Protein backbone atom coordinates (compact mmCIF):
# COMPACT_ATOMS: atom_id res chain seq x y z
CA UNK A 1 -19.20 15.80 3.86
CA UNK A 2 -16.48 18.41 3.42
CA UNK A 3 -14.94 17.56 6.80
CA UNK A 4 -16.40 14.08 7.24
CA UNK A 5 -18.07 11.79 7.75
CA UNK A 6 -18.11 10.39 4.21
CA UNK A 7 -20.04 7.45 2.75
CA UNK A 8 -17.20 5.09 3.70
CA UNK A 9 -15.44 6.76 6.66
CA UNK A 10 -17.33 7.69 9.82
CA UNK A 11 -14.83 10.04 11.41
CA UNK A 12 -14.44 13.80 11.06
CA UNK A 13 -11.52 15.92 9.94
CA UNK A 14 -8.76 15.63 12.52
CA UNK A 15 -9.47 11.98 13.30
CA UNK A 16 -6.78 10.87 10.83
CA UNK A 17 -3.11 11.78 11.11
CA UNK A 18 -1.39 13.47 8.14
CA UNK A 19 0.30 10.12 7.41
CA UNK A 20 -1.82 7.00 6.95
CA UNK A 21 -0.69 3.43 6.40
CA UNK A 22 -3.10 1.74 3.99
CA UNK A 23 -3.18 -2.08 4.06
CA UNK A 24 -5.91 -3.87 2.16
CA UNK A 25 -6.85 -6.26 4.95
CA UNK A 26 -8.74 -4.86 8.00
CA UNK A 27 -7.17 -7.57 10.16
CA UNK A 28 -3.73 -6.28 9.18
CA UNK A 29 -4.83 -2.74 10.05
CA UNK A 30 -5.85 -3.89 13.52
CA UNK A 31 -2.64 -5.91 13.92
CA UNK A 32 -0.55 -2.82 13.16
CA UNK A 33 -2.58 -0.65 15.53
CA UNK A 34 -2.43 -3.20 18.35
CA UNK A 35 1.25 -4.05 18.05
CA UNK A 36 3.05 -0.93 16.82
CA UNK A 37 1.06 2.18 17.77
CA UNK A 38 0.45 3.85 21.13
CA UNK A 39 -2.66 5.65 22.44
CA UNK A 40 -4.77 4.01 19.74
CA UNK A 41 -8.32 5.12 18.93
CA UNK A 42 -10.54 3.37 16.39
CA UNK A 43 -11.80 5.97 13.92
CA UNK A 44 -13.64 3.79 11.38
CA UNK A 45 -15.62 0.57 11.24
CA UNK A 46 -17.93 1.22 8.28
CA UNK A 47 -18.32 -1.92 6.13
CA UNK A 48 -15.69 -3.62 8.27
CA UNK A 49 -12.92 -1.40 6.87
CA UNK A 50 -11.27 -0.75 10.20
CA UNK A 51 -9.29 2.45 10.73
CA UNK A 52 -7.19 3.52 13.72
CA UNK A 53 -5.19 6.54 14.82
CA UNK A 54 -2.39 6.48 17.35
CA UNK A 55 1.25 7.48 17.55
CA UNK A 56 4.63 5.97 16.77
CA UNK A 57 7.56 7.34 18.77
CA UNK A 58 5.52 10.46 19.45
CA UNK A 59 4.46 11.05 15.83
CA UNK A 60 0.75 10.77 14.96
CA UNK A 61 0.10 7.89 12.55
CA UNK A 62 -3.12 6.35 11.26
CA UNK A 63 -3.82 3.01 9.61
CA UNK A 64 -6.86 2.43 7.40
CA UNK A 65 -7.93 -0.73 5.56
CA UNK A 66 -8.82 -0.06 1.91
CA UNK A 67 -9.92 -3.46 0.56
CA UNK A 68 -8.74 -5.27 -2.55
CA UNK A 69 -8.30 -3.81 -6.02
CA UNK A 70 -7.99 -0.32 -7.46
CA UNK A 71 -11.74 0.56 -7.43
CA UNK A 72 -12.08 -0.21 -3.72
CA UNK A 73 -8.79 1.34 -2.68
CA UNK A 74 -9.38 4.55 -4.68
CA UNK A 75 -12.53 5.25 -2.68
CA UNK A 76 -10.56 5.32 0.57
CA UNK A 77 -7.51 7.10 -0.86
CA UNK A 78 -9.70 9.85 -2.31
CA UNK A 79 -11.82 10.36 0.80
CA UNK A 80 -8.77 10.42 3.08
CA UNK A 81 -7.12 13.07 0.93
CA UNK A 82 -10.07 15.30 0.05
CA UNK A 83 -12.11 15.22 3.24
CA UNK A 84 -9.60 14.39 6.00
CA UNK A 85 -6.55 16.35 4.87
CA UNK A 86 -4.21 13.36 4.65
CA UNK A 87 -0.90 14.31 3.03
CA UNK A 88 0.94 11.00 2.87
CA UNK A 89 -0.24 7.45 2.11
CA UNK A 90 1.98 4.41 2.62
CA UNK A 91 0.77 1.05 1.36
CA UNK A 92 1.74 -2.00 3.42
CA UNK A 93 0.58 -5.02 1.48
CA UNK A 94 1.44 -8.27 -0.18
CA UNK A 95 2.31 -9.35 -3.70
CA UNK A 96 3.10 -12.32 -5.86
CA UNK A 97 6.83 -12.58 -6.57
CA UNK A 98 7.77 -12.73 -10.25
CA UNK A 99 11.54 -12.37 -10.22
CA UNK A 100 14.35 -14.77 -9.36
CA UNK A 101 15.81 -12.07 -7.11
CA UNK A 102 12.87 -12.15 -4.65
CA UNK A 103 11.68 -15.04 -2.50
CA UNK A 104 8.76 -15.73 -0.19
CA UNK A 105 8.78 -13.20 2.66
CA UNK A 106 11.07 -10.71 0.90
CA UNK A 107 10.32 -6.98 1.05
CA UNK A 108 9.83 -4.93 -2.12
CA UNK A 109 9.63 -1.15 -2.34
CA UNK A 110 7.73 -0.31 -5.53
CA UNK A 111 9.50 2.41 -7.49
CA UNK A 112 6.74 2.35 -10.12
CA UNK A 113 3.73 0.34 -11.19
CA UNK A 114 2.53 -0.75 -14.59
CA UNK A 115 -1.13 -1.70 -14.90
CA UNK A 116 -3.92 -3.01 -17.09
CA UNK A 117 -6.50 -0.89 -15.24
CA UNK A 118 -8.85 1.34 -17.24
CA UNK A 119 -9.40 3.37 -14.06
CA UNK A 120 -5.84 4.68 -14.25
CA UNK A 121 -6.27 5.84 -17.85
CA UNK A 122 -9.49 7.59 -16.82
CA UNK A 123 -7.79 9.39 -13.92
CA UNK A 124 -5.03 10.53 -16.29
CA UNK A 125 -7.49 12.02 -18.77
CA UNK A 126 -6.99 9.30 -21.33
CA UNK A 127 -3.19 9.55 -21.29
CA UNK A 128 -0.76 6.72 -20.61
CA UNK A 129 1.32 8.15 -17.78
CA UNK A 130 3.75 6.42 -15.41
CA UNK A 131 2.63 5.59 -11.88
CA UNK A 132 5.67 6.35 -9.74
CA UNK A 133 6.57 6.58 -6.06
CA UNK A 134 7.42 9.78 -4.28
CA UNK A 135 11.20 9.78 -4.51
CA UNK A 136 11.72 11.45 -1.15
CA UNK A 137 9.75 8.73 0.60
CA UNK A 138 11.48 6.02 -1.44
CA UNK A 139 14.89 7.38 -0.43
CA UNK A 140 13.77 7.51 3.19
CA UNK A 141 12.58 3.88 3.03
CA UNK A 142 15.88 2.77 1.48
CA UNK A 143 17.86 4.46 4.24
CA UNK A 144 15.57 3.09 6.96
CA UNK A 145 15.90 -0.45 5.64
CA UNK A 146 19.67 -0.12 5.35
CA UNK A 147 20.05 1.36 8.84
CA UNK A 148 17.94 -1.46 10.31
CA UNK A 149 19.70 -4.21 8.39
CA UNK A 150 16.46 -5.12 6.58
CA UNK A 151 16.97 -6.51 3.06
CA UNK A 152 14.74 -4.65 0.60
CA UNK A 153 14.55 -4.77 -3.19
CA UNK A 154 13.54 -1.59 -5.03
CA UNK A 155 11.98 -1.82 -8.48
CA UNK A 156 8.86 -1.94 -10.66
CA UNK A 157 5.70 -3.93 -9.97
CA UNK A 158 2.53 -4.62 -11.93
CA UNK A 159 -0.97 -3.78 -10.69
CA UNK A 160 -3.62 -6.07 -12.12
CA UNK A 161 -7.38 -5.54 -12.11
CA UNK A 162 -7.97 -9.30 -12.13
CA UNK A 163 -6.81 -11.82 -9.55
CA UNK A 164 -7.97 -14.67 -11.77
CA UNK A 165 -7.07 -13.34 -15.21
CA UNK A 166 -7.57 -15.13 -18.54
CA UNK A 167 -4.08 -14.37 -19.90
CA UNK A 168 -1.94 -17.37 -19.01
CA UNK A 169 1.16 -15.75 -20.48
CA UNK A 170 0.96 -12.58 -18.34
CA UNK A 171 3.30 -13.69 -15.56
CA UNK A 172 5.87 -14.98 -18.01
CA UNK A 173 5.83 -11.70 -19.95
CA UNK A 174 6.09 -9.60 -16.80
CA UNK A 175 8.99 -11.70 -15.56
CA UNK A 176 10.77 -11.26 -18.88
CA UNK A 177 10.34 -7.48 -18.61
CA UNK A 178 11.96 -7.31 -15.18
CA UNK A 179 8.82 -6.79 -13.08
CA UNK A 180 9.43 -7.82 -9.47
CA UNK A 181 5.89 -8.64 -8.39
CA UNK A 182 2.19 -8.46 -9.17
CA UNK A 183 -0.51 -7.00 -6.91
CA UNK A 184 -3.78 -5.03 -7.17
CA UNK A 185 -3.52 -1.50 -5.72
CA UNK A 186 -0.21 0.34 -6.21
CA UNK A 187 -0.87 1.95 -9.61
CA UNK A 188 -4.05 3.41 -8.15
CA UNK A 189 -2.19 4.76 -5.13
CA UNK A 190 0.57 6.41 -7.14
CA UNK A 191 -1.83 7.86 -9.70
CA UNK A 192 -4.27 9.38 -7.19
CA UNK A 193 -1.31 10.81 -5.28
CA UNK A 194 -0.16 12.59 -8.45
CA UNK A 195 -3.68 13.78 -9.28
CA UNK A 196 -4.34 15.09 -5.76
CA UNK A 197 -0.84 16.40 -5.05
CA UNK A 198 0.14 14.28 -2.07
CA UNK A 199 3.02 11.87 -1.30
CA UNK A 200 2.73 8.10 -1.65
CA UNK A 201 4.90 5.03 -1.27
CA UNK A 202 4.16 1.32 -1.47
CA UNK A 203 5.88 -1.48 0.40
CA UNK A 204 4.85 -5.06 -0.29
CA UNK A 205 5.96 -8.41 1.07
CA UNK A 206 6.11 -11.43 -1.20
CA UNK A 207 3.31 -13.68 0.07
CA UNK A 208 3.15 -15.88 -3.04
CA UNK A 209 6.29 -16.94 -4.91
CA UNK A 210 4.82 -17.48 -8.36
CA UNK A 211 8.07 -18.81 -9.83
CA UNK A 212 8.65 -21.43 -7.14
CA UNK A 213 4.96 -22.08 -6.33
CA UNK A 214 5.32 -21.24 -2.64
CA UNK A 215 2.50 -19.57 -0.67
CA UNK A 216 2.11 -18.04 2.79
CA UNK A 217 -0.90 -19.05 4.86
CA UNK A 218 -3.66 -16.48 5.48
CA UNK A 219 -2.66 -16.15 9.15
CA UNK A 220 0.96 -15.52 8.14
CA UNK A 221 -0.21 -12.73 5.79
CA UNK A 222 -2.33 -11.16 8.52
CA UNK A 223 0.11 -11.29 11.39
CA UNK A 224 3.65 -11.17 10.01
CA UNK A 225 5.39 -8.69 7.70
CA UNK A 226 7.29 -7.15 10.63
CA UNK A 227 10.14 -5.83 8.47
CA UNK A 228 7.74 -4.07 6.10
CA UNK A 229 5.82 -2.41 8.93
CA UNK A 230 9.02 -1.24 10.61
CA UNK A 231 10.24 0.41 7.40
CA UNK A 232 6.82 1.99 6.79
CA UNK A 233 6.72 3.45 10.29
CA UNK A 234 10.26 4.77 9.95
CA UNK A 235 9.07 6.65 6.85
CA UNK A 236 5.93 7.85 8.66
CA UNK A 237 8.06 9.20 11.49
CA UNK A 238 10.01 11.56 9.20
């Protein structure tokens, strides 16, 4: 298993590029591969978690679906890093908007992620440590968005273990504390990147405006998010 395949990825070392985009949804992974990459080869189909490798403007780039939630995503992040030599992971996902400054369809670059996940405490050896983006990648994303005229808000998000949580006051408290959005993977991404010594960045598009009760359709979530993907690929190209 040292150089693949692994229990969840069927390729071998070299099948993945050093930079991998990691959406949750396999349909989004295929959409990115079909519409943005050249010379595409499918490198994974285990459990329906599609993965592809191609190139963007001559630079090798992969895209691998990782599922929903920290436990699922950590499996793929860890295997990509340890067994396939991946050095940079860029999340391209969705979130629920919690701040008046972001609306449905807006792009957020997560500078950091709070969480209620016990998995993160375990990875940090029982310590409460911040989950933060790689600042070089964040700076690159900010410049790419600015150069392309793409509006992007940078700030903290919250990664929840539960989509249907029992705490009805959670969103109100997060909003009061200045959290931009809520999602289910970023704290895991930033923590495993720190543990394993690689670079990571997360970009998310607001698919659910929790304040205004507005929601994208499932097809819109699968097939849109063009601005987010363009910024992610600009970062991957560097």
